[in-house]
């Protein structure tokens, strides 16, 4: 089922978006990482997936999410460039952004923060780690 140009969304039994639920865009080239995130977050928020930075930018231009998790190792665009592109979009919502990394890389974290990210998330992650990252952002998940 396609809804608003997006694949079926988590967050409701009938696949329709609840306007009161927070929207999370999970950007990662790994379908496994995206599916795990959707399974963890899907009961508390609407989770939209993107496998590339270009796809993520298109989604944000159409309907800016409340929170984003961006893979620090995207192949089509640097995470920092995607963050800058997202921050340049005029929208009523300014998303909270986390960068997901496979290791603690202080230089990459600082570049992401200077570009507009609020923090980082190490992957692979489990339920407790992902939910703690969202609590840090003060996002109910």
C-alpha atoms as a PDB file:
ATOM      1  CA  UNK A   1       0.000   0.000   0.000  1.00  0.00           C
ATOM      2  CA  UNK A   2       1.370   3.429  -0.902  1.00  0.00           C
ATOM      3  CA  UNK A   3       0.286   6.437   1.148  1.00  0.00           C
ATOM      4  CA  UNK A   4       1.247  10.023   0.299  1.00  0.00           C
ATOM      5  CA  UNK A   5       3.930   8.733  -2.036  1.00  0.00           C
ATOM      6  CA  UNK A   6       5.577   6.693   0.735  1.00  0.00           C
ATOM      7  CA  UNK A   7       5.514   2.986   1.494  1.00  0.00           C
ATOM      8  CA  UNK A   8       3.070   1.870   4.156  1.00  0.00           C
ATOM      9  CA  UNK A   9       4.004   3.537   7.412  1.00  0.00           C
ATOM     10  CA  UNK A  10       4.312   2.154  10.886  1.00  0.00           C
ATOM     11  CA  UNK A  11       2.323   3.904  13.557  1.00  0.00           C
ATOM     12  CA  UNK A  12      -1.261   2.800  12.985  1.00  0.00           C
ATOM     13  CA  UNK A  13      -3.162  -0.387  12.295  1.00  0.00           C
ATOM     14  CA  UNK A  14      -4.764   0.857   9.067  1.00  0.00           C
ATOM     15  CA  UNK A  15      -1.565   2.355   7.581  1.00  0.00           C
ATOM     16  CA  UNK A  16      -2.899   5.927   7.804  1.00  0.00           C
ATOM     17  CA  UNK A  17      -0.755   8.558   9.459  1.00  0.00           C
ATOM     18  CA  UNK A  18      -1.956   9.912  12.791  1.00  0.00           C
ATOM     19  CA  UNK A  19      -1.338  13.685  12.611  1.00  0.00           C
ATOM     20  CA  UNK A  20      -0.565  13.784  16.350  1.00  0.00           C
ATOM     21  CA  UNK A  21       2.207  11.182  16.144  1.00  0.00           C
ATOM     22  CA  UNK A  22       5.824  12.257  15.688  1.00  0.00           C
ATOM     23  CA  UNK A  23       7.404  11.361  12.342  1.00  0.00           C
ATOM     24  CA  UNK A  24      10.842   9.763  12.204  1.00  0.00           C
ATOM     25  CA  UNK A  25      12.862   9.446   9.007  1.00  0.00           C
ATOM     26  CA  UNK A  26      15.444   6.677   9.245  1.00  0.00           C
ATOM     27  CA  UNK A  27      18.095   7.048   6.529  1.00  0.00           C
ATOM     28  CA  UNK A  28      20.365   4.031   6.121  1.00  0.00           C
ATOM     29  CA  UNK A  29      21.500   1.977   3.146  1.00  0.00           C
ATOM     30  CA  UNK A  30      20.993  -1.198   5.212  1.00  0.00           C
ATOM     31  CA  UNK A  31      17.447  -2.529   5.006  1.00  0.00           C
ATOM     32  CA  UNK A  32      18.137  -4.571   8.159  1.00  0.00           C
ATOM     33  CA  UNK A  33      18.995  -1.451  10.208  1.00  0.00           C
ATOM     34  CA  UNK A  34      15.881   0.330   8.884  1.00  0.00           C
ATOM     35  CA  UNK A  35      13.627  -2.641   9.684  1.00  0.00           C
ATOM     36  CA  UNK A  36      15.022  -2.971  13.228  1.00  0.00           C
ATOM     37  CA  UNK A  37      14.455   0.752  13.825  1.00  0.00           C
ATOM     38  CA  UNK A  38      10.912   0.540  12.447  1.00  0.00           C
ATOM     39  CA  UNK A  39      10.147  -2.440  14.676  1.00  0.00           C
ATOM     40  CA  UNK A  40      11.460  -0.623  17.775  1.00  0.00           C
ATOM     41  CA  UNK A  41       9.889   2.784  17.089  1.00  0.00           C
ATOM     42  CA  UNK A  42       6.807   1.881  15.049  1.00  0.00           C
ATOM     43  CA  UNK A  43       4.354   1.607  17.926  1.00  0.00           C
ATOM     44  CA  UNK A  44       5.179   5.101  19.201  1.00  0.00           C
ATOM     45  CA  UNK A  45       5.790   7.127  16.053  1.00  0.00           C
ATOM     46  CA  UNK A  46       5.417   7.101  12.295  1.00  0.00           C
ATOM     47  CA  UNK A  47       8.625   5.690  10.818  1.00  0.00           C
ATOM     48  CA  UNK A  48       9.523   6.530   7.233  1.00  0.00           C
ATOM     49  CA  UNK A  49      12.526   4.883   5.592  1.00  0.00           C
ATOM     50  CA  UNK A  50      15.037   6.139   3.035  1.00  0.00           C
ATOM     51  CA  UNK A  51      17.934   4.116   1.649  1.00  0.00           C
ATOM     52  CA  UNK A  52      19.816   7.088   0.151  1.00  0.00           C
ATOM     53  CA  UNK A  53      20.521  10.692   0.994  1.00  0.00           C
ATOM     54  CA  UNK A  54      18.827  11.864  -2.197  1.00  0.00           C
ATOM     55  CA  UNK A  55      15.661   9.973  -1.258  1.00  0.00           C
ATOM     56  CA  UNK A  56      15.813  11.469   2.255  1.00  0.00           C
ATOM     57  CA  UNK A  57      16.139  15.022   0.907  1.00  0.00           C
ATOM     58  CA  UNK A  58      13.111  14.472  -1.358  1.00  0.00           C
ATOM     59  CA  UNK A  59      11.044  13.175   1.565  1.00  0.00           C
ATOM     60  CA  UNK A  60      12.069  16.150   3.725  1.00  0.00           C
ATOM     61  CA  UNK A  61      11.218  18.648   0.984  1.00  0.00           C
ATOM     62  CA  UNK A  62       7.724  17.128   0.765  1.00  0.00           C
ATOM     63  CA  UNK A  63       6.995  16.474   4.462  1.00  0.00           C
ATOM     64  CA  UNK A  64       9.688  17.302   7.039  1.00  0.00           C
ATOM     65  CA  UNK A  65       9.914  14.728   9.845  1.00  0.00           C
ATOM     66  CA  UNK A  66      10.213  15.593  13.540  1.00  0.00           C
ATOM     67  CA  UNK A  67      13.347  13.496  13.993  1.00  0.00           C
ATOM     68  CA  UNK A  68      15.913  11.941  11.659  1.00  0.00           C
ATOM     69  CA  UNK A  69      18.589   9.312  12.052  1.00  0.00           C
ATOM     70  CA  UNK A  70      21.139   9.588   9.241  1.00  0.00           C
ATOM     71  CA  UNK A  71      23.707   6.891   8.435  1.00  0.00           C
ATOM     72  CA  UNK A  72      27.187   8.396   8.699  1.00  0.00           C
ATOM     73  CA  UNK A  73      28.352   6.113   5.893  1.00  0.00           C
ATOM     74  CA  UNK A  74      25.847   6.829   3.123  1.00  0.00           C
ATOM     75  CA  UNK A  75      27.317   6.089  -0.296  1.00  0.00           C
ATOM     76  CA  UNK A  76      25.551   8.772  -2.343  1.00  0.00           C
ATOM     77  CA  UNK A  77      26.118  11.836  -0.140  1.00  0.00           C
ATOM     78  CA  UNK A  78      28.150  12.675   2.952  1.00  0.00           C
ATOM     79  CA  UNK A  79      25.993  12.794   6.091  1.00  0.00           C
ATOM     80  CA  UNK A  80      27.239  16.333   6.834  1.00  0.00           C
ATOM     81  CA  UNK A  81      26.155  17.516   3.373  1.00  0.00           C
ATOM     82  CA  UNK A  82      22.736  15.910   3.820  1.00  0.00           C
ATOM     83  CA  UNK A  83      22.326  17.582   7.222  1.00  0.00           C
ATOM     84  CA  UNK A  84      23.174  20.969   5.681  1.00  0.00           C
ATOM     85  CA  UNK A  85      20.723  20.335   2.843  1.00  0.00           C
ATOM     86  CA  UNK A  86      17.973  19.419   5.330  1.00  0.00           C
ATOM     87  CA  UNK A  87      18.691  22.499   7.454  1.00  0.00           C
ATOM     88  CA  UNK A  88      18.408  24.707   4.337  1.00  0.00           C
ATOM     89  CA  UNK A  89      14.845  23.544   3.600  1.00  0.00           C
ATOM     90  CA  UNK A  90      12.206  26.059   4.691  1.00  0.00           C
ATOM     91  CA  UNK A  91       9.691  24.059   6.717  1.00  0.00           C
ATOM     92  CA  UNK A  92       7.493  24.591   9.781  1.00  0.00           C
ATOM     93  CA  UNK A  93       9.288  21.678  11.477  1.00  0.00           C
ATOM     94  CA  UNK A  94      12.994  21.722  12.333  1.00  0.00           C
ATOM     95  CA  UNK A  95      13.921  18.074  12.845  1.00  0.00           C
ATOM     96  CA  UNK A  96      16.132  16.748  15.599  1.00  0.00           C
ATOM     97  CA  UNK A  97      18.965  14.864  13.869  1.00  0.00           C
ATOM     98  CA  UNK A  98      21.161  11.994  15.013  1.00  0.00           C
ATOM     99  CA  UNK A  99      24.011  10.559  12.948  1.00  0.00           C
ATOM    100  CA  UNK A 100      24.469   6.793  13.196  1.00  0.00           C
ATOM    101  CA  UNK A 101      28.073   5.588  13.199  1.00  0.00           C
ATOM    102  CA  UNK A 102      29.756   2.186  13.399  1.00  0.00           C
ATOM    103  CA  UNK A 103      32.420   3.537  15.779  1.00  0.00           C
ATOM    104  CA  UNK A 104      33.011   6.604  17.916  1.00  0.00           C
ATOM    105  CA  UNK A 105      34.657   9.079  15.542  1.00  0.00           C
ATOM    106  CA  UNK A 106      35.004  12.377  17.395  1.00  0.00           C
ATOM    107  CA  UNK A 107      35.889  14.325  14.234  1.00  0.00           C
ATOM    108  CA  UNK A 108      32.819  12.980  12.376  1.00  0.00           C
ATOM    109  CA  UNK A 109      30.588  13.717  15.372  1.00  0.00           C
ATOM    110  CA  UNK A 110      31.875  17.294  15.611  1.00  0.00           C
ATOM    111  CA  UNK A 111      31.406  17.862  11.840  1.00  0.00           C
ATOM    112  CA  UNK A 112      27.837  16.564  12.107  1.00  0.00           C
ATOM    113  CA  UNK A 113      27.099  18.778  15.109  1.00  0.00           C
ATOM    114  CA  UNK A 114      28.501  21.855  13.338  1.00  0.00           C
ATOM    115  CA  UNK A 115      26.233  21.024  10.380  1.00  0.00           C
ATOM    116  CA  UNK A 116      23.179  20.877  12.659  1.00  0.00           C
ATOM    117  CA  UNK A 117      22.948  17.404  14.222  1.00  0.00           C
ATOM    118  CA  UNK A 118      22.089  17.084  17.904  1.00  0.00           C
ATOM    119  CA  UNK A 119      24.033  13.892  18.554  1.00  0.00           C
ATOM    120  CA  UNK A 120      25.014  10.429  17.404  1.00  0.00           C
ATOM    121  CA  UNK A 121      23.962   6.807  17.744  1.00  0.00           C
ATOM    122  CA  UNK A 122      26.285   3.817  17.512  1.00  0.00           C
ATOM    123  CA  UNK A 123      25.179   0.909  15.361  1.00  0.00           C
ATOM    124  CA  UNK A 124      24.346  -1.811  15.521  1.00  0.00           C
ATOM    125  CA  UNK A 125      21.975  -0.722  18.253  1.00  0.00           C
ATOM    126  CA  UNK A 126      19.440  -2.488  20.402  1.00  0.00           C
ATOM    127  CA  UNK A 127      16.057  -1.318  21.691  1.00  0.00           C
ATOM    128  CA  UNK A 128      17.474   0.229  24.890  1.00  0.00           C
ATOM    129  CA  UNK A 129      20.190   2.160  23.037  1.00  0.00           C
ATOM    130  CA  UNK A 130      17.828   3.559  20.409  1.00  0.00           C
ATOM    131  CA  UNK A 131      15.195   4.555  22.958  1.00  0.00           C
ATOM    132  CA  UNK A 132      17.846   6.201  25.158  1.00  0.00           C
ATOM    133  CA  UNK A 133      19.007   8.272  22.172  1.00  0.00           C
ATOM    134  CA  UNK A 134      15.443   9.437  21.614  1.00  0.00           C
ATOM    135  CA  UNK A 135      15.046  10.266  25.318  1.00  0.00           C
ATOM    136  CA  UNK A 136      18.215  12.385  25.005  1.00  0.00           C
ATOM    137  CA  UNK A 137      16.438  14.310  22.229  1.00  0.00           C
ATOM    138  CA  UNK A 138      13.331  14.520  24.429  1.00  0.00           C
ATOM    139  CA  UNK A 139      11.341  12.665  21.773  1.00  0.00           C
ATOM    140  CA  UNK A 140       8.698  10.353  23.178  1.00  0.00           C
ATOM    141  CA  UNK A 141       9.441   6.897  21.847  1.00  0.00           C
END
